[in-house]
Amino acid sequence: MVEIRDGTAQQTNLPDASIDLVACFQSFHWFDPEPTLLEFRRILKPTGQLAVVWNDRNRQDDFTKKIGFKAPSL
């Protein structure tokens, strides 16, 4: 079953610690980073994961350094 909810990246209206995975594909650059990351931290379970994916291969920008780039294992 799919449940559709109204919200934004900064205010998802989801319960605290209720999400296993937040995935942002080609979209995180549109969000205000600080409130968005706070919201993601709030809704993710303690073992939850955040996946942020871009096509850009620049791994030296400030945001990538701040969150800690991890290349996928192939």
PDB file of N, CA and C in Angstrom:
ATOM      1  N   MET A   1       0.837  -1.172   0.000  1.00  0.00           N
ATOM      2  CA  MET A   1       0.000   0.000   0.000  1.00  0.00           C
ATOM      3  C   MET A   1       0.887   1.243   0.000  1.00  0.00           C
ATOM      4  N   VAL A   2       0.537   2.214  -0.784  1.00  0.00           N
ATOM      5  CA  VAL A   2       1.256   3.482  -0.838  1.00  0.00           C
ATOM      6  C   VAL A   2       0.387   4.546  -0.182  1.00  0.00           C
ATOM      7  N   GLU A   3       0.996   5.265   0.744  1.00  0.00           N
ATOM      8  CA  GLU A   3       0.289   6.356   1.415  1.00  0.00           C
ATOM      9  C   GLU A   3       0.889   7.669   0.942  1.00  0.00           C
ATOM     10  N   ILE A   4       0.066   8.569   0.489  1.00  0.00           N
ATOM     11  CA  ILE A   4       0.527   9.870   0.011  1.00  0.00           C
ATOM     12  C   ILE A   4       0.250  10.906   1.094  1.00  0.00           C
ATOM     13  N   ARG A   5       1.299  11.695   1.410  1.00  0.00           N
ATOM     14  CA  ARG A   5       1.179  12.746   2.429  1.00  0.00           C
ATOM     15  C   ARG A   5       1.656  14.067   1.850  1.00  0.00           C
ATOM     16  N   ASP A   6       1.084  15.135   2.329  1.00  0.00           N
ATOM     17  CA  ASP A   6       1.487  16.472   1.918  1.00  0.00           C
ATOM     18  C   ASP A   6       2.612  16.945   2.830  1.00  0.00           C
ATOM     19  N   GLY A   7       3.694  17.464   2.244  1.00  0.00           N
ATOM     20  CA  GLY A   7       4.799  17.976   3.045  1.00  0.00           C
ATOM     21  C   GLY A   7       5.917  18.480   2.154  1.00  0.00           C
ATOM     22  N   THR A   8       6.972  18.937   2.788  1.00  0.00           N
ATOM     23  CA  THR A   8       8.164  19.402   2.082  1.00  0.00           C
ATOM     24  C   THR A   8       9.375  18.693   2.674  1.00  0.00           C
ATOM     25  N   ALA A   9      10.525  18.891   2.068  1.00  0.00           N
ATOM     26  CA  ALA A   9      11.751  18.291   2.605  1.00  0.00           C
ATOM     27  C   ALA A   9      12.043  18.822   4.003  1.00  0.00           C
ATOM     28  N   GLN A  10      11.707  20.082   4.255  1.00  0.00           N
ATOM     29  CA  GLN A  10      11.974  20.697   5.555  1.00  0.00           C
ATOM     30  C   GLN A  10      10.884  20.391   6.583  1.00  0.00           C
ATOM     31  N   GLN A  11       9.719  19.998   6.132  1.00  0.00           N
ATOM     32  CA  GLN A  11       8.602  19.695   7.036  1.00  0.00           C
ATOM     33  C   GLN A  11       7.783  18.566   6.413  1.00  0.00           C
ATOM     34  N   THR A  12       8.206  17.333   6.691  1.00  0.00           N
ATOM     35  CA  THR A  12       7.585  16.165   6.064  1.00  0.00           C
ATOM     36  C   THR A  12       6.252  15.775   6.686  1.00  0.00           C
ATOM     37  N   ASN A  13       6.007  16.192   7.907  1.00  0.00           N
ATOM     38  CA  ASN A  13       4.809  15.793   8.655  1.00  0.00           C
ATOM     39  C   ASN A  13       4.791  14.298   8.972  1.00  0.00           C
ATOM     40  N   LEU A  14       5.959  13.668   8.975  1.00  0.00           N
ATOM     41  CA  LEU A  14       6.086  12.260   9.352  1.00  0.00           C
ATOM     42  C   LEU A  14       6.448  12.165  10.829  1.00  0.00           C
ATOM     43  N   PRO A  15       6.116  11.052  11.470  1.00  0.00           N
ATOM     44  CA  PRO A  15       6.461  10.888  12.886  1.00  0.00           C
ATOM     45  C   PRO A  15       7.971  10.783  13.109  1.00  0.00           C
ATOM     46  N   ASP A  16       8.412  11.138  14.295  1.00  0.00           N
ATOM     47  CA  ASP A  16       9.822  10.987  14.675  1.00  0.00           C
ATOM     48  C   ASP A  16      10.256   9.532  14.529  1.00  0.00           C
ATOM     49  N   ALA A  17      11.496   9.339  14.091  1.00  0.00           N
ATOM     50  CA  ALA A  17      12.131   8.011  14.033  1.00  0.00           C
ATOM     51  C   ALA A  17      11.232   6.964  13.381  1.00  0.00           C
ATOM     52  N   SER A  18      10.665   7.300  12.232  1.00  0.00           N
ATOM     53  CA  SER A  18       9.709   6.401  11.579  1.00  0.00           C
ATOM     54  C   SER A  18      10.164   5.892  10.213  1.00  0.00           C
ATOM     55  N   ILE A  19      11.303   6.372   9.725  1.00  0.00           N
ATOM     56  CA  ILE A  19      11.715   6.082   8.351  1.00  0.00           C
ATOM     57  C   ILE A  19      13.047   5.334   8.339  1.00  0.00           C
ATOM     58  N   ASP A  20      13.129   4.292   7.501  1.00  0.00           N
ATOM     59  CA  ASP A  20      14.367   3.524   7.351  1.00  0.00           C
ATOM     60  C   ASP A  20      15.333   4.168   6.361  1.00  0.00           C
ATOM     61  N   LEU A  21      14.794   4.796   5.314  1.00  0.00           N
ATOM     62  CA  LEU A  21      15.637   5.351   4.257  1.00  0.00           C
ATOM     63  C   LEU A  21      15.022   6.624   3.705  1.00  0.00           C
ATOM     64  N   VAL A  22      15.841   7.667   3.611  1.00  0.00           N
ATOM     65  CA  VAL A  22      15.485   8.875   2.875  1.00  0.00           C
ATOM     66  C   VAL A  22      16.397   8.892   1.659  1.00  0.00           C
ATOM     67  N   ALA A  23      15.816   8.952   0.461  1.00  0.00           N
ATOM     68  CA  ALA A  23      16.594   8.939  -0.774  1.00  0.00           C
ATOM     69  C   ALA A  23      16.309  10.209  -1.567  1.00  0.00           C
ATOM     70  N   CYS A  24      17.372  10.918  -1.939  1.00  0.00           N
ATOM     71  CA  CYS A  24      17.273  12.136  -2.747  1.00  0.00           C
ATOM     72  C   CYS A  24      18.111  11.925  -4.000  1.00  0.00           C
ATOM     73  N   PHE A  25      17.467  11.821  -5.129  1.00  0.00           N
ATOM     74  CA  PHE A  25      18.159  11.627  -6.392  1.00  0.00           C
ATOM     75  C   PHE A  25      18.020  12.894  -7.228  1.00  0.00           C
ATOM     76  N   GLN A  26      19.151  13.545  -7.480  1.00  0.00           N
ATOM     77  CA  GLN A  26      19.176  14.750  -8.303  1.00  0.00           C
ATOM     78  C   GLN A  26      18.234  15.823  -7.753  1.00  0.00           C
ATOM     79  N   SER A  27      18.126  15.946  -6.433  1.00  0.00           N
ATOM     80  CA  SER A  27      17.160  16.902  -5.885  1.00  0.00           C
ATOM     81  C   SER A  27      17.664  17.689  -4.680  1.00  0.00           C
ATOM     82  N   PHE A  28      18.656  17.192  -3.961  1.00  0.00           N
ATOM     83  CA  PHE A  28      19.017  17.818  -2.691  1.00  0.00           C
ATOM     84  C   PHE A  28      19.459  19.272  -2.863  1.00  0.00           C
ATOM     85  N   HIS A  29      20.027  19.614  -4.008  1.00  0.00           N
ATOM     86  CA  HIS A  29      20.493  20.985  -4.234  1.00  0.00           C
ATOM     87  C   HIS A  29      19.341  21.996  -4.271  1.00  0.00           C
ATOM     88  N   TRP A  30      18.109  21.523  -4.391  1.00  0.00           N
ATOM     89  CA  TRP A  30      16.956  22.423  -4.379  1.00  0.00           C
ATOM     90  C   TRP A  30      16.502  22.759  -2.961  1.00  0.00           C
ATOM     91  N   PHE A  31      16.965  22.021  -1.968  1.00  0.00           N
ATOM     92  CA  PHE A  31      16.515  22.187  -0.585  1.00  0.00           C
ATOM     93  C   PHE A  31      17.457  23.103   0.190  1.00  0.00           C
ATOM     94  N   ASP A  32      16.932  23.758   1.210  1.00  0.00           N
ATOM     95  CA  ASP A  32      17.759  24.500   2.160  1.00  0.00           C
ATOM     96  C   ASP A  32      18.427  23.444   3.045  1.00  0.00           C
ATOM     97  N   PRO A  33      19.757  23.274   2.956  1.00  0.00           N
ATOM     98  CA  PRO A  33      20.419  22.115   3.574  1.00  0.00           C
ATOM     99  C   PRO A  33      20.215  21.959   5.076  1.00  0.00           C
ATOM    100  N   GLU A  34      20.384  23.025   5.854  1.00  0.00           N
ATOM    101  CA  GLU A  34      20.342  22.878   7.312  1.00  0.00           C
ATOM    102  C   GLU A  34      18.980  22.396   7.828  1.00  0.00           C
ATOM    103  N   PRO A  35      17.867  23.078   7.502  1.00  0.00           N
ATOM    104  CA  PRO A  35      16.586  22.576   8.009  1.00  0.00           C
ATOM    105  C   PRO A  35      16.201  21.223   7.415  1.00  0.00           C
ATOM    106  N   THR A  36      16.621  20.967   6.187  1.00  0.00           N
ATOM    107  CA  THR A  36      16.315  19.677   5.564  1.00  0.00           C
ATOM    108  C   THR A  36      17.027  18.547   6.285  1.00  0.00           C
ATOM    109  N   LEU A  37      18.315  18.733   6.571  1.00  0.00           N
ATOM    110  CA  LEU A  37      19.060  17.686   7.280  1.00  0.00           C
ATOM    111  C   LEU A  37      18.517  17.482   8.695  1.00  0.00           C
ATOM    112  N   LEU A  38      18.096  18.552   9.345  1.00  0.00           N
ATOM    113  CA  LEU A  38      17.481  18.412  10.670  1.00  0.00           C
ATOM    114  C   LEU A  38      16.188  17.592  10.590  1.00  0.00           C
ATOM    115  N   GLU A  39      15.394  17.847   9.571  1.00  0.00           N
ATOM    116  CA  GLU A  39      14.148  17.095   9.398  1.00  0.00           C
ATOM    117  C   GLU A  39      14.443  15.628   9.083  1.00  0.00           C
ATOM    118  N   PHE A  40      15.415  15.386   8.211  1.00  0.00           N
ATOM    119  CA  PHE A  40      15.771  13.998   7.893  1.00  0.00           C
ATOM    120  C   PHE A  40      16.260  13.276   9.144  1.00  0.00           C
ATOM    121  N   ARG A  41      17.071  13.943   9.945  1.00  0.00           N
ATOM    122  CA  ARG A  41      17.563  13.342  11.190  1.00  0.00           C
ATOM    123  C   ARG A  41      16.392  13.019  12.119  1.00  0.00           C
ATOM    124  N   ARG A  42      15.415  13.902  12.168  1.00  0.00           N
ATOM    125  CA  ARG A  42      14.256  13.701  13.042  1.00  0.00           C
ATOM    126  C   ARG A  42      13.423  12.494  12.606  1.00  0.00           C
ATOM    127  N   ILE A  43      13.189  12.331  11.315  1.00  0.00           N
ATOM    128  CA  ILE A  43      12.290  11.265  10.849  1.00  0.00           C
ATOM    129  C   ILE A  43      12.980   9.917  10.680  1.00  0.00           C
ATOM    130  N   LEU A  44      14.309   9.909  10.545  1.00  0.00           N
ATOM    131  CA  LEU A  44      15.017   8.638  10.375  1.00  0.00           C
ATOM    132  C   LEU A  44      15.079   7.862  11.685  1.00  0.00           C
ATOM    133  N   LYS A  45      14.926   6.552  11.570  1.00  0.00           N
ATOM    134  CA  LYS A  45      15.128   5.668  12.719  1.00  0.00           C
ATOM    135  C   LYS A  45      16.595   5.748  13.126  1.00  0.00           C
ATOM    136  N   PRO A  46      16.952   5.339  14.342  1.00  0.00           N
ATOM    137  CA  PRO A  46      18.359   5.395  14.776  1.00  0.00           C
ATOM    138  C   PRO A  46      19.321   4.683  13.822  1.00  0.00           C
ATOM    139  N   THR A  47      18.862   3.646  13.160  1.00  0.00           N
ATOM    140  CA  THR A  47      19.710   2.933  12.189  1.00  0.00           C
ATOM    141  C   THR A  47      19.360   3.312  10.754  1.00  0.00           C
ATOM    142  N   GLY A  48      18.565   4.374  10.578  1.00  0.00           N
ATOM    143  CA  GLY A  48      18.151   4.805   9.246  1.00  0.00           C
ATOM    144  C   GLY A  48      19.313   5.339   8.419  1.00  0.00           C
ATOM    145  N   GLN A  49      19.108   5.362   7.118  1.00  0.00           N
ATOM    146  CA  GLN A  49      20.139   5.792   6.177  1.00  0.00           C
ATOM    147  C   GLN A  49      19.630   6.954   5.327  1.00  0.00           C
ATOM    148  N   LEU A  50      20.555   7.811   4.929  1.00  0.00           N
ATOM    149  CA  LEU A  50      20.275   8.900   3.996  1.00  0.00           C
ATOM    150  C   LEU A  50      21.102   8.658   2.749  1.00  0.00           C
ATOM    151  N   ALA A  51      20.444   8.593   1.599  1.00  0.00           N
ATOM    152  CA  ALA A  51      21.138   8.431   0.319  1.00  0.00           C
ATOM    153  C   ALA A  51      20.919   9.697  -0.501  1.00  0.00           C
ATOM    154  N   VAL A  52      22.010  10.380  -0.836  1.00  0.00           N
ATOM    155  CA  VAL A  52      21.959  11.585  -1.662  1.00  0.00           C
ATOM    156  C   VAL A  52      22.784  11.292  -2.908  1.00  0.00           C
ATOM    157  N   VAL A  53      22.147  11.356  -4.080  1.00  0.00           N
ATOM    158  CA  VAL A  53      22.796  10.940  -5.321  1.00  0.00           C
ATOM    159  C   VAL A  53      22.757  12.079  -6.335  1.00  0.00           C
ATOM    160  N   TRP A  54      23.912  12.348  -6.940  1.00  0.00           N
ATOM    161  CA  TRP A  54      24.042  13.299  -8.042  1.00  0.00           C
ATOM    162  C   TRP A  54      24.798  12.626  -9.177  1.00  0.00           C
ATOM    163  N   ASN A  55      24.642  13.163 -10.377  1.00  0.00           N
ATOM    164  CA  ASN A  55      25.453  12.714 -11.506  1.00  0.00           C
ATOM    165  C   ASN A  55      26.829  13.363 -11.487  1.00  0.00           C
ATOM    166  N   ASP A  56      26.951  14.483 -10.797  1.00  0.00           N
ATOM    167  CA  ASP A  56      28.213  15.220 -10.733  1.00  0.00           C
ATOM    168  C   ASP A  56      29.279  14.382 -10.042  1.00  0.00           C
ATOM    169  N   ARG A  57      30.458  14.333 -10.605  1.00  0.00           N
ATOM    170  CA  ARG A  57      31.529  13.536 -10.015  1.00  0.00           C
ATOM    171  C   ARG A  57      32.485  14.378  -9.164  1.00  0.00           C
ATOM    172  N   ASN A  58      32.139  15.645  -8.924  1.00  0.00           N
ATOM    173  CA  ASN A  58      32.965  16.500  -8.079  1.00  0.00           C
ATOM    174  C   ASN A  58      32.775  16.089  -6.627  1.00  0.00           C
ATOM    175  N   ARG A  59      33.774  15.473  -6.057  1.00  0.00           N
ATOM    176  CA  ARG A  59      33.677  14.992  -4.680  1.00  0.00           C
ATOM    177  C   ARG A  59      34.391  15.921  -3.715  1.00  0.00           C
ATOM    178  N   GLN A  60      34.769  17.099  -4.166  1.00  0.00           N
ATOM    179  CA  GLN A  60      35.519  18.028  -3.331  1.00  0.00           C
ATOM    180  C   GLN A  60      34.719  19.260  -2.930  1.00  0.00           C
ATOM    181  N   ASP A  61      33.433  19.328  -3.314  1.00  0.00           N
ATOM    182  CA  ASP A  61      32.658  20.501  -2.925  1.00  0.00           C
ATOM    183  C   ASP A  61      32.396  20.470  -1.416  1.00  0.00           C
ATOM    184  N   ASP A  62      32.064  21.620  -0.850  1.00  0.00           N
ATOM    185  CA  ASP A  62      31.914  21.756   0.606  1.00  0.00           C
ATOM    186  C   ASP A  62      30.851  20.824   1.183  1.00  0.00           C
ATOM    187  N   PHE A  63      29.708  20.709   0.493  1.00  0.00           N
ATOM    188  CA  PHE A  63      28.643  19.861   1.023  1.00  0.00           C
ATOM    189  C   PHE A  63      29.072  18.398   1.054  1.00  0.00           C
ATOM    190  N   THR A  64      29.692  17.923  -0.022  1.00  0.00           N
ATOM    191  CA  THR A  64      30.136  16.527  -0.078  1.00  0.00           C
ATOM    192  C   THR A  64      31.156  16.246   1.012  1.00  0.00           C
ATOM    193  N   LYS A  65      32.051  17.183   1.250  1.00  0.00           N
ATOM    194  CA  LYS A  65      33.025  17.016   2.336  1.00  0.00           C
ATOM    195  C   LYS A  65      32.324  16.973   3.691  1.00  0.00           C
ATOM    196  N   LYS A  66      31.306  17.833   3.866  1.00  0.00           N
ATOM    197  CA  LYS A  66      30.609  17.916   5.150  1.00  0.00           C
ATOM    198  C   LYS A  66      29.869  16.620   5.483  1.00  0.00           C
ATOM    199  N   ILE A  67      29.180  16.042   4.492  1.00  0.00           N
ATOM    200  CA  ILE A  67      28.405  14.835   4.778  1.00  0.00           C
ATOM    201  C   ILE A  67      29.241  13.566   4.692  1.00  0.00           C
ATOM    202  N   GLY A  68      30.425  13.657   4.077  1.00  0.00           N
ATOM    203  CA  GLY A  68      31.292  12.487   3.990  1.00  0.00           C
ATOM    204  C   GLY A  68      30.920  11.609   2.815  1.00  0.00           C
ATOM    205  N   PHE A  69      31.610  11.765   1.697  1.00  0.00           N
ATOM    206  CA  PHE A  69      31.325  10.997   0.491  1.00  0.00           C
ATOM    207  C   PHE A  69      31.674   9.533   0.694  1.00  0.00           C
ATOM    208  N   LYS A  70      30.779   8.652   0.268  1.00  0.00           N
ATOM    209  CA  LYS A  70      31.035   7.214   0.295  1.00  0.00           C
ATOM    210  C   LYS A  70      30.700   6.650  -1.073  1.00  0.00           C
ATOM    211  N   ALA A  71      31.697   6.133  -1.760  1.00  0.00           N
ATOM    212  CA  ALA A  71      31.466   5.521  -3.065  1.00  0.00           C
ATOM    213  C   ALA A  71      30.845   4.144  -2.867  1.00  0.00           C
ATOM    214  N   PRO A  72      29.885   3.779  -3.714  1.00  0.00           N
ATOM    215  CA  PRO A  72      29.284   2.451  -3.576  1.00  0.00           C
ATOM    216  C   PRO A  72      30.280   1.356  -3.941  1.00  0.00           C
ATOM    217  N   SER A  73      30.149   0.218  -3.302  1.00  0.00           N
ATOM    218  CA  SER A  73      30.975  -0.940  -3.643  1.00  0.00           C
ATOM    219  C   SER A  73      30.404  -1.571  -4.900  1.00  0.00           C
ATOM    220  N   LEU A  74      31.275  -1.858  -5.837  1.00  0.00           N
ATOM    221  CA  LEU A  74      30.813  -2.482  -7.087  1.00  0.00           C
ATOM    222  C   LEU A  74      31.274  -3.909  -7.169  1.00  0.00           C
TER     223      LEU A  74
END
